[in-house]
Amino acid sequence: MEKETKADEEEQTQVINPWEVSAKGKIDYDKLIDQFGCQRLDQSFVDRVHRLTNRIPHIFLRRNVFFAHRDLNEILDAYERGEKFYLYTGRGPSSEALHLGHLVPFMFTKYLQEAFKVPLVIQLTDDEKCMWKNLTVEESKRLARENAKDIIACGFDVSRTFIFSDFDYVGGAFYENMVKVAKCVTYNKVVGIFGFTGEDHIGKISFPPVQAVPSFPSSFPHLFSGKDKLRCLIPCAIDQDPYFRMTRDVAPRLGYNKPALIESLFFPALQGQTGKMSASDANSAIYVTDSQKAIKEKVNRYAFSGGQDSIENHRKYGANLEVDIPFKYLSFFLEDDEELEHIRKEYGSGRMLTGEVKKRLIEVLTGIVERHRAARAAVTDEMVDAFMAVRPLPNMFA
């Protein structure tokens, strides 16, 4: 089996799994790559995507926000031969509103869908959040639909996109694949991958196949009937990797291709890079529902600065860009490469002050949030029904 994380092999200076992201200090992504056994995504992949799609790569690719992969080369090889693939990503609906960290995979997935002209399935794991967050079934289902509106507001193409919630869709061929996966994974193996303990209820232990099988095309007979060898590419944050290490081990035994992954860094909390934005701490995150005033207050009050403790020292030594959150956020969302490089040089040398960088960040984030809020306001219940309808997508590869 592919390399698994062994919690007892080394001191736990960082904990990265689908349910917890924390570190003593900065998250060590090189160490994560070694632990998980994935590969670093280098410039050759960015250049190849540019050539194959004939469009400028997304800033998340150009700036290594999506920094690791599994078998992306095989997806690109197949695409170059004229073979198609489909995209699969998801969201665990545990809160009313999404924060900017939640939007990162959807913004990138929308780019991939447009660039490669391929279909997309989006899983809403309302069942998972019901079990992990102690939500009622009814509340989990309601949050799934609310979150679907935010996802649709990102601009996905309804003629290529199927959004489904587990509570509504699981059954039939999807459930058959779940059972096949479950039979292939021992209790000891799932404990080794996910770290379950004797205190966890059996719902948690039985959940991983639910997230695994959307990467098998036969789970969607209304979309991919007779296309069992269709490849799947999964854009996700790297904390989701354990699910798909398990899936990739099982897939060939069931006659499917291993799903490929393209994995992102975490969008850091305002307070620093020891974790990711959390829906459980409102002051760690910028929400798509935040007003311009709230964004300004959060950035000015909570965004951790790498600037020096006095203007004199700052002019002399410059900002530490490795820990500066305003600059990190700009590297995620400021579209203009030249402007970002200008800020990097001026702020890093001390010629630009923290207040100036935060002011620019507030402008950028306010623009993103206001555009998203307007797009979401235009999403109706009928639009949600259309995206979630079980239907063929006759033009999904057009």
Protein backbone atom coordinates (compact mmCIF):
# COMPACT_ATOMS: atom_id res chain seq x y z
CA MET A 1 0.00 0.00 0.00
CA GLU A 2 1.12 3.58 -0.59
CA LYS A 3 2.98 5.24 2.25
CA GLU A 4 0.76 5.95 5.24
CA THR A 5 1.19 8.42 8.05
CA LYS A 6 2.65 6.70 11.12
CA ALA A 7 1.81 8.78 14.17
CA ASP A 8 4.33 6.94 16.32
CA GLU A 9 7.29 7.26 13.93
CA GLU A 10 8.24 10.78 14.95
CA GLU A 11 7.35 13.47 17.41
CA GLN A 12 3.97 14.96 16.66
CA THR A 13 4.95 18.55 15.99
CA GLN A 14 2.03 18.80 13.59
CA VAL A 15 -1.27 16.98 13.30
CA ILE A 16 -2.80 16.89 9.82
CA ASN A 17 -5.88 14.81 9.10
CA PRO A 18 -9.36 15.43 7.68
CA TRP A 19 -10.64 16.60 11.08
CA GLU A 20 -7.69 18.43 12.64
CA VAL A 21 -4.97 20.72 11.33
CA SER A 22 -2.53 22.07 13.92
CA ALA A 23 1.18 22.60 14.30
CA LYS A 24 3.75 23.78 16.80
CA GLY A 25 5.03 26.61 14.63
CA LYS A 26 4.76 26.75 10.86
CA ILE A 27 3.26 23.77 9.00
CA ASP A 28 6.07 21.78 7.35
CA TYR A 29 4.71 20.89 3.90
CA ASP A 30 7.89 19.07 2.83
CA LYS A 31 7.44 16.80 5.83
CA LEU A 32 3.79 16.27 4.87
CA ILE A 33 4.79 15.22 1.36
CA ASP A 34 7.23 12.70 2.84
CA GLN A 35 4.65 11.40 5.33
CA PHE A 36 1.80 11.10 2.86
CA GLY A 37 3.91 9.87 -0.07
CA CYS A 38 2.61 12.38 -2.63
CA GLN A 39 4.77 14.38 -5.06
CA ARG A 40 5.75 18.03 -5.26
CA LEU A 41 4.06 19.89 -8.13
CA ASP A 42 6.85 21.68 -9.98
CA GLN A 43 6.98 24.32 -12.72
CA SER A 44 6.98 21.70 -15.49
CA PHE A 45 3.36 20.84 -14.61
CA VAL A 46 2.34 24.50 -14.66
CA ASP A 47 3.94 24.94 -18.07
CA ARG A 48 2.30 21.78 -19.38
CA VAL A 49 -1.17 22.82 -18.20
CA HIS A 50 -0.60 26.16 -19.92
CA ARG A 51 0.30 24.43 -23.17
CA LEU A 52 -2.55 21.88 -23.09
CA THR A 53 -5.29 24.38 -22.21
CA ASN A 54 -3.93 27.38 -24.14
CA ARG A 55 -4.77 29.68 -21.26
CA ILE A 56 -2.77 31.31 -18.48
CA PRO A 57 -2.64 29.00 -15.44
CA HIS A 58 -4.64 30.03 -12.40
CA ILE A 59 -2.78 32.03 -9.75
CA PHE A 60 -3.19 29.06 -7.38
CA LEU A 61 -1.05 27.05 -9.81
CA ARG A 62 1.41 29.82 -10.63
CA ARG A 63 2.03 30.55 -6.94
CA ASN A 64 2.17 26.97 -5.64
CA VAL A 65 -1.04 27.21 -3.61
CA PHE A 66 -1.75 23.84 -5.20
CA PHE A 67 1.66 22.37 -4.52
CA ALA A 68 1.40 18.58 -4.44
CA HIS A 69 -0.17 15.85 -6.54
CA ARG A 70 -0.71 12.18 -7.14
CA ASP A 71 -0.57 10.98 -10.77
CA LEU A 72 -1.38 14.38 -12.30
CA ASN A 73 1.07 13.40 -15.04
CA GLU A 74 -1.16 10.45 -15.95
CA ILE A 75 -4.22 12.70 -16.24
CA LEU A 76 -2.31 15.09 -18.50
CA ASP A 77 -0.87 12.23 -20.57
CA ALA A 78 -4.36 10.84 -21.12
CA TYR A 79 -5.76 14.28 -21.94
CA GLU A 80 -3.00 14.82 -24.49
CA ARG A 81 -3.98 11.51 -26.14
CA GLY A 82 -7.54 12.83 -26.49
CA GLU A 83 -8.98 10.97 -23.49
CA LYS A 84 -11.35 12.81 -21.15
CA PHE A 85 -11.57 12.81 -17.37
CA TYR A 86 -13.92 14.17 -14.74
CA LEU A 87 -13.40 16.31 -11.66
CA TYR A 88 -14.55 15.47 -8.14
CA THR A 89 -14.41 17.74 -5.12
CA GLY A 90 -16.59 18.29 -2.07
CA ARG A 91 -17.62 20.20 0.99
CA GLY A 92 -18.56 19.16 4.52
CA PRO A 93 -21.47 21.49 5.36
CA SER A 94 -20.91 22.33 9.01
CA SER A 95 -21.63 26.06 9.03
CA GLU A 96 -24.16 28.50 7.60
CA ALA A 97 -21.63 30.54 5.64
CA LEU A 98 -18.35 29.68 3.97
CA HIS A 99 -15.08 31.46 4.71
CA LEU A 100 -12.42 32.25 2.14
CA GLY A 101 -10.49 29.08 2.93
CA HIS A 102 -13.55 27.07 1.90
CA LEU A 103 -13.70 28.91 -1.43
CA VAL A 104 -10.12 28.08 -2.47
CA PRO A 105 -10.79 24.55 -3.84
CA PHE A 106 -13.98 25.69 -5.58
CA MET A 107 -12.31 28.69 -7.23
CA PHE A 108 -9.58 26.39 -8.52
CA THR A 109 -11.98 23.63 -9.57
CA LYS A 110 -14.02 26.15 -11.58
CA TYR A 111 -10.82 27.09 -13.44
CA LEU A 112 -10.05 23.41 -14.15
CA GLN A 113 -13.59 22.79 -15.40
CA GLU A 114 -13.38 25.76 -17.78
CA ALA A 115 -9.80 25.10 -18.91
CA PHE A 116 -10.20 21.37 -19.67
CA LYS A 117 -13.95 21.44 -20.51
CA VAL A 118 -14.81 18.45 -18.35
CA PRO A 119 -17.69 17.44 -16.05
CA LEU A 120 -17.61 17.86 -12.29
CA VAL A 121 -19.27 16.10 -9.37
CA ILE A 122 -19.44 17.91 -6.02
CA GLN A 123 -20.19 15.87 -2.91
CA LEU A 124 -21.85 17.50 0.11
CA THR A 125 -21.05 15.23 3.04
CA ASP A 126 -24.01 16.15 5.21
CA ASP A 127 -23.89 12.66 6.74
CA GLU A 128 -20.26 13.16 7.83
CA LYS A 129 -21.01 16.46 9.56
CA CYS A 130 -24.06 14.95 11.23
CA MET A 131 -21.73 12.36 12.80
CA TRP A 132 -18.67 14.51 13.54
CA LYS A 133 -20.32 17.78 14.55
CA ASN A 134 -23.28 16.28 16.40
CA LEU A 135 -25.76 18.03 14.12
CA THR A 136 -29.24 16.66 13.54
CA VAL A 137 -29.99 15.05 10.19
CA GLU A 138 -32.40 17.86 9.39
CA GLU A 139 -29.88 20.61 10.19
CA SER A 140 -27.13 18.87 8.21
CA LYS A 141 -29.40 18.67 5.16
CA ARG A 142 -30.39 22.32 5.50
CA LEU A 143 -26.75 23.43 5.72
CA ALA A 144 -25.94 21.34 2.65
CA ARG A 145 -28.44 23.31 0.56
CA GLU A 146 -27.23 26.63 1.98
CA ASN A 147 -23.63 25.72 1.19
CA ALA A 148 -24.68 24.60 -2.30
CA LYS A 149 -25.77 28.19 -2.97
CA ASP A 150 -22.29 29.46 -2.12
CA ILE A 151 -20.73 26.80 -4.35
CA ILE A 152 -23.03 27.65 -7.28
CA ALA A 153 -22.17 31.33 -6.76
CA CYS A 154 -18.57 30.50 -7.69
CA GLY A 155 -19.79 30.27 -11.28
CA PHE A 156 -19.95 26.58 -12.14
CA ASP A 157 -21.52 25.48 -15.43
CA VAL A 158 -24.82 23.68 -14.74
CA SER A 159 -24.46 21.76 -18.02
CA ARG A 160 -21.26 20.13 -16.72
CA THR A 161 -21.87 20.02 -12.95
CA PHE A 162 -23.73 17.61 -10.65
CA ILE A 163 -23.98 18.56 -6.96
CA PHE A 164 -25.27 15.90 -4.58
CA SER A 165 -25.77 15.46 -0.86
CA ASP A 166 -25.05 12.06 0.65
CA PHE A 167 -28.36 11.88 2.51
CA ASP A 168 -30.24 12.35 -0.75
CA TYR A 169 -28.09 10.47 -3.28
CA VAL A 170 -26.45 7.46 -1.59
CA GLY A 171 -28.00 4.23 -2.84
CA GLY A 172 -27.97 2.07 -5.94
CA ALA A 173 -24.64 1.85 -7.78
CA PHE A 174 -23.06 4.36 -5.38
CA TYR A 175 -23.88 2.17 -2.38
CA GLU A 176 -22.75 -0.96 -4.21
CA ASN A 177 -19.31 0.64 -4.66
CA MET A 178 -19.26 1.64 -0.99
CA VAL A 179 -19.78 -1.99 0.02
CA LYS A 180 -17.05 -3.16 -2.37
CA VAL A 181 -14.59 -0.65 -0.87
CA ALA A 182 -15.57 -1.54 2.70
CA LYS A 183 -14.84 -5.23 2.03
CA CYS A 184 -11.30 -4.35 0.90
CA VAL A 185 -10.26 -2.29 3.94
CA THR A 186 -9.62 -3.98 7.27
CA TYR A 187 -10.37 -2.38 10.61
CA ASN A 188 -6.64 -2.26 11.41
CA LYS A 189 -5.93 -0.52 8.11
CA VAL A 190 -8.59 2.15 8.61
CA VAL A 191 -7.33 2.79 12.15
CA GLY A 192 -3.79 3.12 10.78
CA ILE A 193 -4.85 5.61 8.12
CA PHE A 194 -7.32 7.74 10.10
CA GLY A 195 -6.31 7.24 13.72
CA PHE A 196 -9.73 6.11 14.96
CA THR A 197 -9.89 4.96 18.58
CA GLY A 198 -12.16 2.76 20.64
CA GLU A 199 -14.06 5.89 21.68
CA ASP A 200 -15.19 6.66 18.11
CA HIS A 201 -18.64 5.46 17.15
CA ILE A 202 -19.01 3.01 14.28
CA GLY A 203 -20.49 5.70 12.02
CA LYS A 204 -17.09 7.38 11.78
CA ILE A 205 -15.31 4.13 11.03
CA SER A 206 -17.77 3.28 8.26
CA PHE A 207 -17.67 6.71 6.62
CA PRO A 208 -14.44 6.63 4.51
CA PRO A 209 -15.99 4.56 1.66
CA VAL A 210 -18.64 7.28 1.25
CA GLN A 211 -15.96 9.83 0.34
CA ALA A 212 -13.98 7.30 -1.69
CA VAL A 213 -16.50 6.14 -4.27
CA PRO A 214 -17.31 9.42 -6.08
CA SER A 215 -13.87 8.83 -7.67
CA PHE A 216 -15.32 5.74 -9.41
CA PRO A 217 -17.35 6.69 -12.51
CA SER A 218 -19.84 3.84 -12.06
CA SER A 219 -21.09 5.61 -8.90
CA PHE A 220 -22.87 7.97 -11.31
CA PRO A 221 -24.68 5.78 -13.85
CA HIS A 222 -26.78 8.74 -15.03
CA LEU A 223 -23.53 10.46 -16.08
CA PHE A 224 -20.93 7.85 -16.89
CA SER A 225 -22.74 4.65 -17.86
CA GLY A 226 -20.33 2.34 -19.70
CA LYS A 227 -17.34 4.57 -18.90
CA ASP A 228 -15.82 2.60 -16.02
CA LYS A 229 -12.26 3.45 -17.14
CA LEU A 230 -12.87 7.22 -17.10
CA ARG A 231 -10.18 8.88 -15.03
CA CYS A 232 -10.92 11.17 -12.08
CA LEU A 233 -8.97 14.21 -10.84
CA ILE A 234 -9.63 15.45 -7.30
CA PRO A 235 -8.70 19.03 -6.32
CA CYS A 236 -8.61 19.26 -2.51
CA ALA A 237 -6.64 20.50 0.48
CA ILE A 238 -3.90 18.12 1.55
CA ASP A 239 -5.66 17.19 4.80
CA GLN A 240 -8.07 15.10 2.67
CA ASP A 241 -5.21 12.93 1.37
CA PRO A 242 -5.82 10.02 3.80
CA TYR A 243 -9.20 9.29 2.21
CA PHE A 244 -7.68 8.97 -1.21
CA ARG A 245 -4.59 6.99 -0.17
CA MET A 246 -7.12 4.39 0.93
CA THR A 247 -9.10 4.81 -2.29
CA ARG A 248 -6.03 4.49 -4.52
CA ASP A 249 -5.06 1.26 -2.79
CA VAL A 250 -8.50 -0.24 -3.40
CA ALA A 251 -9.31 1.08 -6.91
CA PRO A 252 -7.24 -1.38 -9.02
CA ARG A 253 -8.64 -4.32 -7.08
CA LEU A 254 -12.13 -3.21 -8.12
CA GLY A 255 -11.20 -2.59 -11.76
CA TYR A 256 -10.97 1.21 -11.64
CA ASN A 257 -8.16 3.65 -12.34
CA LYS A 258 -6.57 5.20 -9.28
CA PRO A 259 -7.95 8.72 -8.82
CA ALA A 260 -5.40 11.48 -9.34
CA LEU A 261 -5.12 14.35 -6.87
CA ILE A 262 -3.96 17.95 -6.97
CA GLU A 263 -3.56 19.22 -3.42
CA SER A 264 -3.42 22.66 -1.88
CA LEU A 265 -1.79 24.39 1.04
CA PHE A 266 -4.03 25.45 3.89
CA PHE A 267 -5.41 28.96 3.87
CA PRO A 268 -3.94 30.16 7.17
CA ALA A 269 -5.87 31.65 10.04
CA LEU A 270 -5.57 35.40 10.52
CA GLN A 271 -3.59 34.82 13.71
CA GLY A 272 -0.81 32.88 11.96
CA GLN A 273 0.27 29.75 10.09
CA THR A 274 -0.01 27.10 12.81
CA GLY A 275 -3.32 25.91 11.37
CA LYS A 276 -6.02 26.77 8.87
CA MET A 277 -9.02 29.08 8.95
CA SER A 278 -11.63 27.55 11.24
CA ALA A 279 -15.39 27.91 11.12
CA SER A 280 -15.39 27.41 14.89
CA ASP A 281 -13.45 30.66 15.50
CA ALA A 282 -15.10 33.60 13.72
CA ASN A 283 -12.10 35.85 14.32
CA SER A 284 -9.71 33.43 12.60
CA ALA A 285 -11.49 33.75 9.28
CA ILE A 286 -12.91 36.11 6.67
CA TYR A 287 -16.44 34.97 5.82
CA VAL A 288 -18.29 35.57 2.58
CA THR A 289 -20.99 37.21 4.72
CA ASP A 290 -18.60 39.70 6.38
CA SER A 291 -19.28 43.40 5.79
CA GLN A 292 -16.57 45.77 4.59
CA LYS A 293 -16.35 47.09 8.15
CA ALA A 294 -15.93 43.59 9.60
CA ILE A 295 -13.21 42.73 7.07
CA LYS A 296 -11.33 45.93 7.87
CA GLU A 297 -11.57 45.30 11.62
CA LYS A 298 -10.49 41.64 11.36
CA VAL A 299 -7.49 42.41 9.14
CA ASN A 300 -6.32 45.38 11.20
CA ARG A 301 -6.89 43.73 14.56
CA TYR A 302 -6.12 40.04 14.03
CA ALA A 303 -3.95 39.58 10.92
CA PHE A 304 -0.52 38.55 12.20
CA SER A 305 2.19 40.89 10.96
CA GLY A 306 5.76 40.06 10.09
CA GLY A 307 6.67 43.73 10.37
CA GLN A 308 9.10 44.97 12.99
CA ASP A 309 8.16 46.39 16.40
CA SER A 310 9.00 49.99 15.43
CA ILE A 311 9.07 51.98 12.21
CA GLU A 312 12.80 52.53 12.68
CA ASN A 313 13.49 48.80 12.92
CA HIS A 314 11.08 48.06 10.12
CA ARG A 315 12.86 50.47 7.80
CA LYS A 316 16.15 48.86 8.80
CA TYR A 317 15.27 45.14 8.72
CA GLY A 318 12.08 44.91 6.64
CA ALA A 319 9.15 42.53 7.15
CA ASN A 320 9.46 38.78 7.65
CA LEU A 321 7.30 37.65 4.71
CA GLU A 322 7.48 34.01 5.80
CA VAL A 323 5.15 34.71 8.73
CA ASP A 324 3.30 37.82 7.55
CA ILE A 325 -0.38 36.95 7.07
CA PRO A 326 -1.43 40.04 5.06
CA PHE A 327 1.22 39.21 2.47
CA LYS A 328 0.25 35.51 2.50
CA TYR A 329 -3.36 36.43 1.82
CA LEU A 330 -2.34 38.73 -1.03
CA SER A 331 -0.32 35.87 -2.52
CA PHE A 332 -3.56 33.85 -2.63
CA PHE A 333 -5.88 36.51 -4.02
CA LEU A 334 -4.06 39.46 -5.62
CA GLU A 335 -4.33 38.71 -9.34
CA ASP A 336 -1.59 41.04 -10.56
CA ASP A 337 1.78 39.23 -10.45
CA GLU A 338 3.74 42.44 -10.94
CA GLU A 339 1.98 44.22 -8.09
CA LEU A 340 2.55 41.26 -5.77
CA GLU A 341 6.25 41.22 -6.65
CA HIS A 342 6.43 44.99 -6.02
CA ILE A 343 4.88 44.50 -2.56
CA ARG A 344 7.25 41.59 -1.88
CA LYS A 345 10.30 43.76 -2.57
CA GLU A 346 9.07 46.98 -0.94
CA TYR A 347 7.60 45.38 2.18
CA GLY A 348 10.41 42.88 2.56
CA SER A 349 12.98 45.68 2.40
CA GLY A 350 11.11 47.92 4.85
CA ARG A 351 10.20 50.63 2.36
CA MET A 352 6.51 49.68 2.67
CA LEU A 353 4.82 49.56 6.08
CA THR A 354 2.41 46.97 7.48
CA GLY A 355 -0.48 49.44 7.44
CA GLU A 356 -0.06 49.95 3.69
CA VAL A 357 -0.10 46.20 3.01
CA LYS A 358 -3.14 45.67 5.22
CA LYS A 359 -4.94 48.51 3.43
CA ARG A 360 -4.36 46.83 0.06
CA LEU A 361 -5.45 43.46 1.45
CA ILE A 362 -8.69 44.96 2.79
CA GLU A 363 -9.44 46.30 -0.70
CA VAL A 364 -8.77 42.92 -2.34
CA LEU A 365 -10.77 40.87 0.18
CA THR A 366 -13.69 43.32 0.18
CA GLY A 367 -13.90 43.04 -3.60
CA ILE A 368 -13.94 39.24 -3.51
CA VAL A 369 -16.54 39.06 -0.74
CA GLU A 370 -18.83 41.67 -2.30
CA ARG A 371 -18.72 39.96 -5.71
CA HIS A 372 -19.46 36.61 -4.11
CA ARG A 373 -22.29 37.99 -2.01
CA ALA A 374 -23.94 39.50 -5.11
CA ALA A 375 -23.57 36.21 -7.00
CA ARG A 376 -25.01 34.22 -4.11
CA ALA A 377 -28.00 36.55 -3.80
CA ALA A 378 -28.86 35.63 -7.39
CA VAL A 379 -28.90 31.87 -6.64
CA THR A 380 -32.49 30.67 -6.25
CA ASP A 381 -33.86 27.43 -4.81
CA GLU A 382 -34.77 26.45 -8.37
CA MET A 383 -31.11 26.81 -9.38
CA VAL A 384 -30.06 24.59 -6.49
CA ASP A 385 -32.64 22.01 -7.59
CA ALA A 386 -31.27 22.16 -11.15
CA PHE A 387 -27.66 21.52 -10.08
CA MET A 388 -28.74 18.70 -7.72
CA ALA A 389 -31.17 16.98 -10.10
CA VAL A 390 -30.11 13.43 -11.02
CA ARG A 391 -29.90 13.86 -14.77
CA PRO A 392 -27.65 13.16 -17.74
CA LEU A 393 -25.31 15.92 -18.87
CA PRO A 394 -25.31 15.40 -22.66
CA ASN A 395 -22.87 18.26 -23.37
CA MET A 396 -20.49 17.65 -20.47
CA PHE A 397 -17.50 16.97 -22.75
CA ALA A 398 -18.45 19.45 -25.47
